């Protein structure tokens, strides 16, 4: 903290032409240490603390910390990423929160800080499959032109995406990336007929829950008709194949078709 605080004070002074006047914390040792206190005194910044065990006196910061942690946790689990990437998720949550409007003012934090409206056309779903372009200087003639990865965030210093390579666990910043936001990770939950079933298909799914429910309902209907026509004990020898051939098959609509309303 003592090393980064002078850099932040210099950055704010250069950007706004003024420097911070007051710093308030919750008695954290990273702020109450001798080195940090010496930096504050040299910069002429007043230091304030909240009463011990009274976090509500620093409620704005505490509330924001909780919001970032909850948002990061939600995105982390939705992307099915290991918890060791919690830092990337929290940084992404902060990146998005700064570009969302607040109830205090009719502007976003990004607009208040930079005096310009944010551009949101580059925002993508965290955990999406990403195909990052490989520069010509780093590949040979017959090598692939892209490498597959996972989106884990956005760069603050470069205009690019932070792409995770699952095979090497390395994060690189890439500018030219093609995303597959419809790709489903290794596991997903689908609601079928009021129950929750675990789908472990690793391929990209493009069907909806309503289509799954319709298929399940049709299957249950067909099985019920088979059961009604058999109407015998389990131990009785019956030619099931002949019965199945007599059951009418209900046609399913395609992905883009919907039954017309009367």
Protein backbone atom coordinates (compact mmCIF):
# COMPACT_ATOMS: atom_id res chain seq x y z
CA UNK A 1 0.00 0.00 0.00
CA UNK A 2 2.80 2.42 0.87
CA UNK A 3 4.34 1.87 -2.57
CA UNK A 4 1.13 2.23 -4.60
CA UNK A 5 -0.44 5.14 -2.71
CA UNK A 6 2.00 7.80 -4.03
CA UNK A 7 1.37 6.54 -7.58
CA UNK A 8 -2.38 6.94 -7.12
CA UNK A 9 -2.04 10.43 -5.65
CA UNK A 10 0.15 11.48 -8.58
CA UNK A 11 -2.31 9.98 -11.09
CA UNK A 12 -5.31 11.80 -9.59
CA UNK A 13 -3.38 15.09 -9.35
CA UNK A 14 -2.39 14.88 -13.00
CA UNK A 15 -5.90 13.91 -14.19
CA UNK A 16 -8.03 16.39 -12.23
CA UNK A 17 -5.52 19.06 -11.23
CA UNK A 18 -6.11 18.39 -7.54
CA UNK A 19 -5.12 15.73 -5.05
CA UNK A 20 -7.16 13.71 -2.52
CA UNK A 21 -7.96 15.54 0.69
CA UNK A 22 -9.17 12.76 3.02
CA UNK A 23 -8.60 9.01 3.24
CA UNK A 24 -10.99 6.96 5.38
CA UNK A 25 -10.53 3.29 6.26
CA UNK A 26 -11.74 0.68 8.73
CA UNK A 27 -8.54 0.44 10.79
CA UNK A 28 -6.94 -1.97 8.34
CA UNK A 29 -3.24 -2.47 9.03
CA UNK A 30 -2.42 -1.73 5.40
CA UNK A 31 -3.52 1.86 6.07
CA UNK A 32 -2.49 2.30 9.70
CA UNK A 33 1.10 1.13 9.16
CA UNK A 34 4.00 3.52 9.61
CA UNK A 35 5.00 3.57 5.94
CA UNK A 36 1.48 4.43 4.74
CA UNK A 37 1.04 7.06 7.43
CA UNK A 38 4.33 8.66 6.38
CA UNK A 39 3.12 8.87 2.76
CA UNK A 40 -0.16 10.50 3.85
CA UNK A 41 1.65 13.08 5.96
CA UNK A 42 4.03 14.03 3.16
CA UNK A 43 1.08 14.44 0.76
CA UNK A 44 -0.95 16.44 3.32
CA UNK A 45 -3.86 13.97 3.20
CA UNK A 46 -6.07 13.73 6.28
CA UNK A 47 -6.48 10.19 7.61
CA UNK A 48 -9.78 9.07 9.21
CA UNK A 49 -10.89 5.72 10.61
CA UNK A 50 -14.19 4.25 11.62
CA UNK A 51 -14.91 3.13 15.17
CA UNK A 52 -13.73 -0.47 15.71
CA UNK A 53 -16.39 -3.09 14.94
CA UNK A 54 -18.65 -0.45 13.36
CA UNK A 55 -18.43 -1.19 9.65
CA UNK A 56 -21.54 0.86 8.93
CA UNK A 57 -19.48 4.04 9.36
CA UNK A 58 -17.66 3.03 6.18
CA UNK A 59 -20.80 1.57 4.65
CA UNK A 60 -20.32 2.76 1.06
CA UNK A 61 -17.01 0.93 0.67
CA UNK A 62 -18.25 -2.16 2.50
CA UNK A 63 -21.37 -2.37 0.34
CA UNK A 64 -19.33 -2.02 -2.85
CA UNK A 65 -16.91 -4.74 -1.76
CA UNK A 66 -19.82 -7.11 -1.16
CA UNK A 67 -21.39 -6.26 -4.52
CA UNK A 68 -18.14 -6.97 -6.35
CA UNK A 69 -17.61 -10.27 -4.53
CA UNK A 70 -21.17 -11.47 -5.20
CA UNK A 71 -21.01 -10.44 -8.86
CA UNK A 72 -17.63 -12.09 -9.31
CA UNK A 73 -18.80 -15.29 -7.62
CA UNK A 74 -21.91 -15.46 -9.82
CA UNK A 75 -19.93 -15.02 -13.03
CA UNK A 76 -17.28 -17.49 -11.87
CA UNK A 77 -19.81 -20.27 -11.26
CA UNK A 78 -21.79 -19.44 -14.39
CA UNK A 79 -18.60 -19.73 -16.45
CA UNK A 80 -17.73 -23.00 -14.66
CA UNK A 81 -14.20 -21.71 -13.98
CA UNK A 82 -12.04 -22.89 -11.06
CA UNK A 83 -12.13 -20.71 -7.97
CA UNK A 84 -8.43 -19.88 -8.40
CA UNK A 85 -9.54 -17.35 -11.03
CA UNK A 86 -11.59 -15.35 -8.51
CA UNK A 87 -9.30 -12.36 -9.05
CA UNK A 88 -10.14 -12.24 -12.76
CA UNK A 89 -13.85 -12.50 -11.96
CA UNK A 90 -13.76 -9.65 -9.41
CA UNK A 91 -11.79 -7.41 -11.80
CA UNK A 92 -14.34 -8.12 -14.54
CA UNK A 93 -17.19 -7.36 -12.14
CA UNK A 94 -15.55 -4.04 -11.27
CA UNK A 95 -15.00 -3.29 -14.96
CA UNK A 96 -18.71 -3.81 -15.67
CA UNK A 97 -19.95 -2.04 -12.51
CA UNK A 98 -18.05 1.11 -13.52
CA UNK A 99 -20.02 1.13 -16.77
CA UNK A 100 -23.47 0.71 -15.21
CA UNK A 101 -25.65 3.66 -14.15
CA UNK A 102 -26.04 4.40 -10.45
CA UNK A 103 -29.02 5.66 -8.47
CA UNK A 104 -27.00 8.49 -6.92
CA UNK A 105 -26.44 10.32 -10.21
CA UNK A 106 -27.82 9.97 -13.70
CA UNK A 107 -24.43 8.89 -15.04
CA UNK A 108 -22.09 5.94 -14.89
CA UNK A 109 -18.91 6.01 -12.75
CA UNK A 110 -16.91 5.73 -15.98
CA UNK A 111 -18.55 8.89 -17.33
CA UNK A 112 -17.90 10.81 -14.11
CA UNK A 113 -14.25 9.76 -14.08
CA UNK A 114 -13.45 10.19 -17.79
CA UNK A 115 -16.09 12.77 -18.83
CA UNK A 116 -17.19 10.49 -21.69
CA UNK A 117 -19.87 7.84 -22.11
CA UNK A 118 -18.60 4.25 -22.08
CA UNK A 119 -18.62 2.05 -25.17
CA UNK A 120 -20.24 -1.32 -24.41
CA UNK A 121 -20.05 -2.94 -27.85
CA UNK A 122 -17.03 -5.02 -26.81
CA UNK A 123 -18.65 -6.58 -23.72
CA UNK A 124 -18.89 -10.37 -23.92
CA UNK A 125 -20.06 -13.15 -21.60
CA UNK A 126 -17.41 -14.22 -19.11
CA UNK A 127 -16.34 -17.80 -19.76
CA UNK A 128 -17.24 -17.73 -23.46
CA UNK A 129 -15.18 -19.83 -25.83
CA UNK A 130 -12.69 -17.53 -27.57
CA UNK A 131 -10.59 -18.00 -30.69
CA UNK A 132 -7.65 -15.60 -30.42
CA UNK A 133 -5.74 -14.68 -33.57
CA UNK A 134 -2.09 -15.73 -33.71
CA UNK A 135 0.14 -13.07 -35.34
CA UNK A 136 2.01 -14.10 -38.46
CA UNK A 137 5.30 -13.53 -36.65
CA UNK A 138 4.46 -16.32 -34.17
CA UNK A 139 3.29 -19.05 -36.55
CA UNK A 140 4.51 -20.95 -39.57
CA UNK A 141 2.84 -21.47 -42.92
CA UNK A 142 0.79 -24.54 -41.98
CA UNK A 143 0.11 -23.62 -38.36
CA UNK A 144 -3.34 -22.70 -37.14
CA UNK A 145 -4.22 -19.01 -37.36
CA UNK A 146 -6.01 -19.02 -33.99
CA UNK A 147 -5.81 -20.62 -30.57
CA UNK A 148 -8.80 -21.65 -28.49
CA UNK A 149 -9.21 -20.13 -25.04
CA UNK A 150 -11.68 -18.75 -22.50
CA UNK A 151 -12.59 -15.12 -21.88
CA UNK A 152 -11.72 -14.12 -18.31
CA UNK A 153 -11.72 -10.32 -18.46
CA UNK A 154 -10.66 -7.06 -20.07
CA UNK A 155 -7.35 -5.26 -20.03
CA UNK A 156 -7.15 -1.88 -18.29
CA UNK A 157 -3.91 -0.82 -19.98
CA UNK A 158 -4.37 -2.30 -23.46
CA UNK A 159 -7.39 -2.29 -25.73
CA UNK A 160 -7.88 -6.03 -25.73
CA UNK A 161 -9.37 -9.09 -24.06
CA UNK A 162 -7.81 -11.27 -21.38
CA UNK A 163 -7.88 -14.82 -22.77
CA UNK A 164 -7.10 -17.87 -20.67
CA UNK A 165 -5.38 -20.84 -22.28
CA UNK A 166 -6.74 -23.85 -20.32
CA UNK A 167 -3.88 -26.14 -21.37
CA UNK A 168 -1.16 -23.81 -20.06
CA UNK A 169 -3.19 -21.79 -17.48
CA UNK A 170 -1.66 -18.61 -18.91
CA UNK A 171 -3.61 -15.40 -19.50
CA UNK A 172 -2.71 -13.28 -22.50
CA UNK A 173 -4.13 -10.02 -23.86
CA UNK A 174 -5.47 -10.35 -27.42
CA UNK A 175 -7.04 -7.79 -29.71
CA UNK A 176 -8.52 -9.87 -32.54
CA UNK A 177 -10.80 -12.50 -31.00
CA UNK A 178 -13.85 -14.38 -32.25
CA UNK A 179 -16.26 -15.44 -29.49
CA UNK A 180 -18.79 -18.25 -29.28
CA UNK A 181 -21.12 -16.94 -26.58
CA UNK A 182 -23.64 -19.74 -27.20
CA UNK A 183 -21.12 -22.39 -26.20
CA UNK A 184 -22.08 -24.26 -23.03
CA UNK A 185 -19.35 -25.35 -20.66
CA UNK A 186 -18.89 -28.90 -19.39
CA UNK A 187 -22.08 -28.97 -17.34
CA UNK A 188 -25.39 -27.14 -17.33
CA UNK A 189 -28.78 -27.45 -15.70
CA UNK A 190 -31.98 -27.74 -17.74
CA UNK A 191 -35.47 -27.54 -16.27
CA UNK A 192 -37.57 -30.43 -17.58
CA UNK A 193 -41.17 -31.03 -16.45
CA UNK A 194 -40.68 -29.21 -13.16
CA UNK A 195 -37.48 -31.07 -12.23
CA UNK A 196 -33.83 -30.12 -12.57
CA UNK A 197 -31.67 -32.50 -14.59
CA UNK A 198 -27.90 -32.36 -15.09
CA UNK A 199 -26.82 -32.36 -18.73
CA UNK A 200 -23.18 -33.49 -19.09
CA UNK A 201 -23.00 -33.11 -22.87
CA UNK A 202 -19.74 -31.26 -23.61
CA UNK A 203 -20.78 -30.15 -27.08
CA UNK A 204 -22.23 -26.72 -27.75
CA UNK A 205 -25.96 -26.79 -27.12
CA UNK A 206 -28.31 -24.54 -29.06
CA UNK A 207 -31.66 -25.91 -27.92
CA UNK A 208 -33.90 -24.22 -25.39
CA UNK A 209 -35.49 -25.49 -22.22
CA UNK A 210 -38.93 -25.35 -23.83
CA UNK A 211 -37.80 -27.69 -26.61
CA UNK A 212 -36.34 -30.10 -24.04
CA UNK A 213 -39.60 -29.99 -22.08
CA UNK A 214 -41.63 -30.64 -25.25
CA UNK A 215 -39.45 -33.63 -26.16
CA UNK A 216 -39.74 -35.05 -22.63
CA UNK A 217 -43.52 -34.63 -22.65
CA UNK A 218 -43.83 -36.41 -26.01
CA UNK A 219 -41.63 -39.26 -24.77
CA UNK A 220 -43.70 -39.65 -21.60
CA UNK A 221 -46.88 -39.70 -23.69
CA UNK A 222 -45.52 -42.44 -25.96
CA UNK A 223 -44.37 -44.55 -23.02
CA UNK A 224 -47.79 -44.21 -21.39
CA UNK A 225 -49.49 -45.40 -24.59
CA UNK A 226 -47.15 -48.43 -24.72
CA UNK A 227 -47.95 -49.22 -21.11
CA UNK A 228 -51.69 -48.95 -21.74
CA UNK A 229 -51.55 -51.26 -24.75
CA UNK A 230 -49.39 -53.88 -23.04
CA UNK A 231 -51.42 -54.00 -19.81
CA UNK A 232 -49.71 -57.25 -18.75
CA UNK A 233 -47.34 -58.38 -16.04
CA UNK A 234 -43.62 -57.88 -16.46
CA UNK A 235 -42.91 -61.63 -16.47
CA UNK A 236 -45.28 -62.23 -19.44
CA UNK A 237 -43.58 -62.72 -22.80
CA UNK A 238 -44.81 -60.01 -25.17
CA UNK A 239 -43.49 -58.88 -28.54
CA UNK A 240 -42.79 -55.28 -27.56
CA UNK A 241 -41.43 -54.30 -30.97
CA UNK A 242 -44.77 -54.98 -32.63
CA UNK A 243 -46.53 -52.80 -30.07
CA UNK A 244 -44.06 -49.95 -30.44
CA UNK A 245 -44.58 -49.89 -34.21
CA UNK A 246 -48.30 -49.26 -33.63
CA UNK A 247 -47.71 -46.23 -31.39
CA UNK A 248 -48.12 -42.98 -33.36
CA UNK A 249 -45.08 -40.75 -33.32
CA UNK A 250 -45.76 -37.09 -32.63
CA UNK A 251 -43.76 -34.82 -34.91
CA UNK A 252 -41.60 -32.20 -33.27
CA UNK A 253 -41.21 -28.69 -34.63
CA UNK A 254 -37.76 -27.50 -35.72
CA UNK A 255 -35.68 -25.00 -33.80
CA UNK A 256 -37.04 -22.05 -35.77
CA UNK A 257 -40.65 -23.23 -36.06
CA UNK A 258 -43.39 -22.45 -33.59
CA UNK A 259 -47.00 -23.57 -33.60
CA UNK A 260 -49.27 -20.91 -35.04
CA UNK A 261 -51.73 -19.27 -32.70
CA UNK A 262 -55.39 -19.27 -33.57
